[in-house]
Amino acid sequence: LGCPAGPEAAAIVLCLIGLAAWPSAVPQLTRQIVRPQVRSVREQDRVLREQIVQFATYLVRDRIPSG
């Protein structure tokens, strides 16, 4: 994550794993929420991946001191 190891970084990693795994764990809910807004499963996966990366960047940049 580009930040020091510690409880905050561990919590962020756990949250990101949960976000990344949720669509696989509950695909029907993912389809109900995201699919009406996209044209294909490929686009759905791209959008979810981009948003998780954007969210991770926001968390690390704004919440954890670097170094």
Protein backbone atom coordinates (compact mmCIF):
# COMPACT_ATOMS: atom_id res chain seq x y z
CA LEU A 1 0.00 0.00 0.00
CA GLY A 2 2.99 2.31 0.21
CA CYS A 3 2.43 3.03 3.90
CA PRO A 4 3.99 1.73 7.11
CA ALA A 5 2.86 -1.64 8.46
CA GLY A 6 0.54 -1.36 11.42
CA PRO A 7 -3.02 -1.84 12.54
CA GLU A 8 -4.41 0.86 10.24
CA ALA A 9 -2.76 -0.68 7.18
CA ALA A 10 -3.95 -4.15 8.23
CA ALA A 11 -7.53 -2.90 8.58
CA ILE A 12 -7.38 -1.30 5.13
CA VAL A 13 -6.08 -4.51 3.57
CA LEU A 14 -8.87 -6.49 5.22
CA CYS A 15 -11.49 -4.02 3.98
CA LEU A 16 -10.09 -4.11 0.45
CA ILE A 17 -10.13 -7.91 0.43
CA GLY A 18 -13.76 -7.79 1.51
CA LEU A 19 -14.65 -5.29 -1.20
CA ALA A 20 -12.87 -7.31 -3.85
CA ALA A 21 -14.41 -10.62 -2.71
CA TRP A 22 -17.98 -9.40 -2.20
CA PRO A 23 -19.07 -9.58 -5.87
CA SER A 24 -17.92 -13.22 -6.00
CA ALA A 25 -19.50 -14.07 -2.66
CA VAL A 26 -22.85 -12.46 -3.50
CA PRO A 27 -23.07 -12.31 -7.32
CA GLN A 28 -26.84 -11.93 -7.38
CA LEU A 29 -26.67 -8.75 -5.30
CA THR A 30 -23.86 -7.43 -7.47
CA ARG A 31 -25.99 -8.00 -10.58
CA GLN A 32 -28.99 -6.27 -9.03
CA ILE A 33 -27.01 -3.20 -8.03
CA VAL A 34 -24.39 -2.78 -10.74
CA ARG A 35 -25.61 -4.56 -13.87
CA PRO A 36 -28.49 -2.18 -14.66
CA GLN A 37 -25.86 0.56 -14.96
CA VAL A 38 -23.44 -1.29 -17.29
CA ARG A 39 -23.67 -3.13 -20.60
CA SER A 40 -21.79 -6.36 -19.81
CA VAL A 41 -20.14 -8.49 -17.15
CA ARG A 42 -16.76 -7.34 -18.46
CA GLU A 43 -17.74 -3.69 -17.96
CA GLN A 44 -19.14 -4.52 -14.51
CA ASP A 45 -15.82 -6.11 -13.51
CA ARG A 46 -13.85 -3.15 -14.90
CA VAL A 47 -15.98 -0.61 -13.04
CA LEU A 48 -15.78 -2.50 -9.75
CA ARG A 49 -12.00 -2.94 -10.06
CA GLU A 50 -11.45 0.74 -10.87
CA GLN A 51 -13.59 1.86 -7.94
CA ILE A 52 -11.80 -0.41 -5.48
CA VAL A 53 -8.43 0.92 -6.64
CA GLN A 54 -9.68 4.50 -6.41
CA PHE A 55 -11.06 3.87 -2.92
CA ALA A 56 -7.80 2.24 -1.78
CA THR A 57 -5.80 5.19 -3.09
CA TYR A 58 -8.08 7.60 -1.23
CA LEU A 59 -7.78 5.65 2.03
CA VAL A 60 -4.03 5.38 1.97
CA ARG A 61 -3.37 8.92 0.77
CA ASP A 62 -5.71 10.67 3.18
CA ARG A 63 -5.78 8.47 6.26
CA ILE A 64 -2.35 6.94 6.90
CA PRO A 65 0.82 8.98 7.36
CA SER A 66 3.53 7.89 4.94
CA GLY A 67 6.71 6.96 6.72
